[in-house]
């Protein structure tokens, strides 16, 4: 017979670090006018950089830089999560969590 597929499954280890990624669409034409927002995705990773898919770590988002910038709210995609909307704290779900950041009135690095 012919060889059709090669699949490997690696077990992830304990959570070791987070990676943060800005949504690319959010970064196009972002203005420091207190009207724009950017979307940040936090991913829980193991020592080898793999997604820790069963992670439910509690994450707290804060903003430094960009005068007047703040955390608008967070989300994780979990339909059973009853965490208060608009907060800066949320548990990861399946290794992911997102934050919506309100851009302030002064240009800078967030």
C-alpha atoms as a PDB file:
ATOM      1  CA  UNK A   1       0.000   0.000   0.000  1.00  0.00           C
ATOM      2  CA  UNK A   2       0.843   3.645  -0.168  1.00  0.00           C
ATOM      3  CA  UNK A   3       2.012   5.765   2.739  1.00  0.00           C
ATOM      4  CA  UNK A   4      -0.764   8.305   3.471  1.00  0.00           C
ATOM      5  CA  UNK A   5      -0.049  10.166   6.673  1.00  0.00           C
ATOM      6  CA  UNK A   6       2.586  10.685   9.306  1.00  0.00           C
ATOM      7  CA  UNK A   7       1.321  11.954  12.630  1.00  0.00           C
ATOM      8  CA  UNK A   8       3.123  12.560  15.886  1.00  0.00           C
ATOM      9  CA  UNK A   9       1.680  13.663  19.174  1.00  0.00           C
ATOM     10  CA  UNK A  10       3.915  15.135  21.858  1.00  0.00           C
ATOM     11  CA  UNK A  11       2.812  15.548  25.435  1.00  0.00           C
ATOM     12  CA  UNK A  12       3.253  19.072  26.735  1.00  0.00           C
ATOM     13  CA  UNK A  13       4.817  19.802  30.080  1.00  0.00           C
ATOM     14  CA  UNK A  14       3.955  22.230  32.880  1.00  0.00           C
ATOM     15  CA  UNK A  15       3.310  25.869  32.082  1.00  0.00           C
ATOM     16  CA  UNK A  16       6.574  27.842  32.105  1.00  0.00           C
ATOM     17  CA  UNK A  17       5.964  31.140  30.321  1.00  0.00           C
ATOM     18  CA  UNK A  18       3.518  33.250  28.340  1.00  0.00           C
ATOM     19  CA  UNK A  19       3.792  34.656  24.877  1.00  0.00           C
ATOM     20  CA  UNK A  20       1.875  37.812  23.995  1.00  0.00           C
ATOM     21  CA  UNK A  21       0.806  38.615  20.472  1.00  0.00           C
ATOM     22  CA  UNK A  22      -0.906  41.724  19.151  1.00  0.00           C
ATOM     23  CA  UNK A  23      -3.655  41.067  16.646  1.00  0.00           C
ATOM     24  CA  UNK A  24      -2.177  42.281  13.356  1.00  0.00           C
ATOM     25  CA  UNK A  25      -5.445  43.774  12.175  1.00  0.00           C
ATOM     26  CA  UNK A  26      -5.555  45.829  15.369  1.00  0.00           C
ATOM     27  CA  UNK A  27      -2.174  47.395  14.682  1.00  0.00           C
ATOM     28  CA  UNK A  28      -3.051  48.884  11.304  1.00  0.00           C
ATOM     29  CA  UNK A  29      -3.664  52.609  11.745  1.00  0.00           C
ATOM     30  CA  UNK A  30      -3.859  52.644  15.547  1.00  0.00           C
ATOM     31  CA  UNK A  31      -4.175  56.241  16.730  1.00  0.00           C
ATOM     32  CA  UNK A  32      -3.386  57.646  20.165  1.00  0.00           C
ATOM     33  CA  UNK A  33      -6.781  59.326  20.329  1.00  0.00           C
ATOM     34  CA  UNK A  34      -8.431  57.403  23.209  1.00  0.00           C
ATOM     35  CA  UNK A  35     -10.798  55.891  20.607  1.00  0.00           C
ATOM     36  CA  UNK A  36      -8.821  52.884  19.323  1.00  0.00           C
ATOM     37  CA  UNK A  37      -8.296  49.463  20.855  1.00  0.00           C
ATOM     38  CA  UNK A  38      -5.826  46.622  20.267  1.00  0.00           C
ATOM     39  CA  UNK A  39      -6.350  42.927  20.907  1.00  0.00           C
ATOM     40  CA  UNK A  40      -3.655  40.961  22.760  1.00  0.00           C
ATOM     41  CA  UNK A  41      -3.573  37.158  22.893  1.00  0.00           C
ATOM     42  CA  UNK A  42      -1.705  35.454  25.740  1.00  0.00           C
ATOM     43  CA  UNK A  43      -0.636  31.860  25.109  1.00  0.00           C
ATOM     44  CA  UNK A  44       0.530  29.565  27.925  1.00  0.00           C
ATOM     45  CA  UNK A  45       3.612  27.601  26.851  1.00  0.00           C
ATOM     46  CA  UNK A  46       5.811  24.852  28.266  1.00  0.00           C
ATOM     47  CA  UNK A  47       9.623  24.909  28.516  1.00  0.00           C
ATOM     48  CA  UNK A  48       9.894  23.825  24.862  1.00  0.00           C
ATOM     49  CA  UNK A  49       7.545  26.572  23.679  1.00  0.00           C
ATOM     50  CA  UNK A  50       4.568  24.292  23.034  1.00  0.00           C
ATOM     51  CA  UNK A  51       1.009  25.314  23.858  1.00  0.00           C
ATOM     52  CA  UNK A  52      -0.135  23.977  27.255  1.00  0.00           C
ATOM     53  CA  UNK A  53      -3.632  23.114  26.058  1.00  0.00           C
ATOM     54  CA  UNK A  54      -5.022  22.162  29.471  1.00  0.00           C
ATOM     55  CA  UNK A  55      -3.878  25.359  31.181  1.00  0.00           C
ATOM     56  CA  UNK A  56      -6.386  27.375  33.156  1.00  0.00           C
ATOM     57  CA  UNK A  57      -3.895  29.726  34.813  1.00  0.00           C
ATOM     58  CA  UNK A  58      -5.308  32.954  36.209  1.00  0.00           C
ATOM     59  CA  UNK A  59      -3.829  35.840  34.217  1.00  0.00           C
ATOM     60  CA  UNK A  60      -3.827  39.526  35.127  1.00  0.00           C
ATOM     61  CA  UNK A  61      -3.354  42.026  32.319  1.00  0.00           C
ATOM     62  CA  UNK A  62      -1.846  45.453  33.012  1.00  0.00           C
ATOM     63  CA  UNK A  63      -0.790  48.274  30.704  1.00  0.00           C
ATOM     64  CA  UNK A  64       2.408  50.268  30.985  1.00  0.00           C
ATOM     65  CA  UNK A  65       3.163  53.129  28.633  1.00  0.00           C
ATOM     66  CA  UNK A  66       0.817  55.036  26.382  1.00  0.00           C
ATOM     67  CA  UNK A  67      -0.656  57.664  28.721  1.00  0.00           C
ATOM     68  CA  UNK A  68      -4.302  56.889  29.376  1.00  0.00           C
ATOM     69  CA  UNK A  69      -4.158  53.322  28.009  1.00  0.00           C
ATOM     70  CA  UNK A  70      -6.078  50.698  29.987  1.00  0.00           C
ATOM     71  CA  UNK A  71      -7.486  47.167  29.936  1.00  0.00           C
ATOM     72  CA  UNK A  72     -11.021  47.353  28.539  1.00  0.00           C
ATOM     73  CA  UNK A  73     -11.758  43.695  29.246  1.00  0.00           C
ATOM     74  CA  UNK A  74     -10.658  40.108  28.847  1.00  0.00           C
ATOM     75  CA  UNK A  75     -11.992  36.888  27.366  1.00  0.00           C
ATOM     76  CA  UNK A  76     -10.998  33.296  26.882  1.00  0.00           C
ATOM     77  CA  UNK A  77     -13.639  31.650  24.682  1.00  0.00           C
ATOM     78  CA  UNK A  78     -14.948  29.402  27.456  1.00  0.00           C
ATOM     79  CA  UNK A  79     -18.744  29.423  27.168  1.00  0.00           C
ATOM     80  CA  UNK A  80     -19.082  28.413  30.836  1.00  0.00           C
ATOM     81  CA  UNK A  81     -16.834  31.197  32.187  1.00  0.00           C
ATOM     82  CA  UNK A  82     -18.842  33.594  34.360  1.00  0.00           C
ATOM     83  CA  UNK A  83     -16.017  36.028  35.114  1.00  0.00           C
ATOM     84  CA  UNK A  84     -17.163  39.647  35.301  1.00  0.00           C
ATOM     85  CA  UNK A  85     -16.947  41.473  31.991  1.00  0.00           C
ATOM     86  CA  UNK A  86     -14.605  44.433  31.865  1.00  0.00           C
ATOM     87  CA  UNK A  87     -12.076  43.043  34.320  1.00  0.00           C
ATOM     88  CA  UNK A  88      -8.335  42.671  33.860  1.00  0.00           C
ATOM     89  CA  UNK A  89      -8.213  39.179  35.415  1.00  0.00           C
ATOM     90  CA  UNK A  90      -9.291  36.011  33.616  1.00  0.00           C
ATOM     91  CA  UNK A  91      -8.334  32.342  33.606  1.00  0.00           C
ATOM     92  CA  UNK A  92      -6.815  30.930  30.447  1.00  0.00           C
ATOM     93  CA  UNK A  93      -8.931  28.348  28.670  1.00  0.00           C
ATOM     94  CA  UNK A  94      -7.239  25.645  26.639  1.00  0.00           C
ATOM     95  CA  UNK A  95      -4.026  27.650  27.047  1.00  0.00           C
ATOM     96  CA  UNK A  96      -5.326  30.955  25.662  1.00  0.00           C
ATOM     97  CA  UNK A  97      -6.632  34.255  27.005  1.00  0.00           C
ATOM     98  CA  UNK A  98      -7.246  37.604  25.313  1.00  0.00           C
ATOM     99  CA  UNK A  99      -7.314  41.214  26.442  1.00  0.00           C
ATOM    100  CA  UNK A 100      -8.763  44.254  24.759  1.00  0.00           C
ATOM    101  CA  UNK A 101      -6.546  47.295  25.409  1.00  0.00           C
ATOM    102  CA  UNK A 102      -7.879  50.824  25.071  1.00  0.00           C
ATOM    103  CA  UNK A 103      -5.280  53.120  23.511  1.00  0.00           C
ATOM    104  CA  UNK A 104      -4.596  56.358  25.371  1.00  0.00           C
ATOM    105  CA  UNK A 105      -4.015  59.910  24.226  1.00  0.00           C
ATOM    106  CA  UNK A 106      -0.230  59.950  23.954  1.00  0.00           C
ATOM    107  CA  UNK A 107       1.846  58.047  21.383  1.00  0.00           C
ATOM    108  CA  UNK A 108       4.151  55.434  22.874  1.00  0.00           C
ATOM    109  CA  UNK A 109       4.870  51.777  23.313  1.00  0.00           C
ATOM    110  CA  UNK A 110       2.355  49.609  25.147  1.00  0.00           C
END
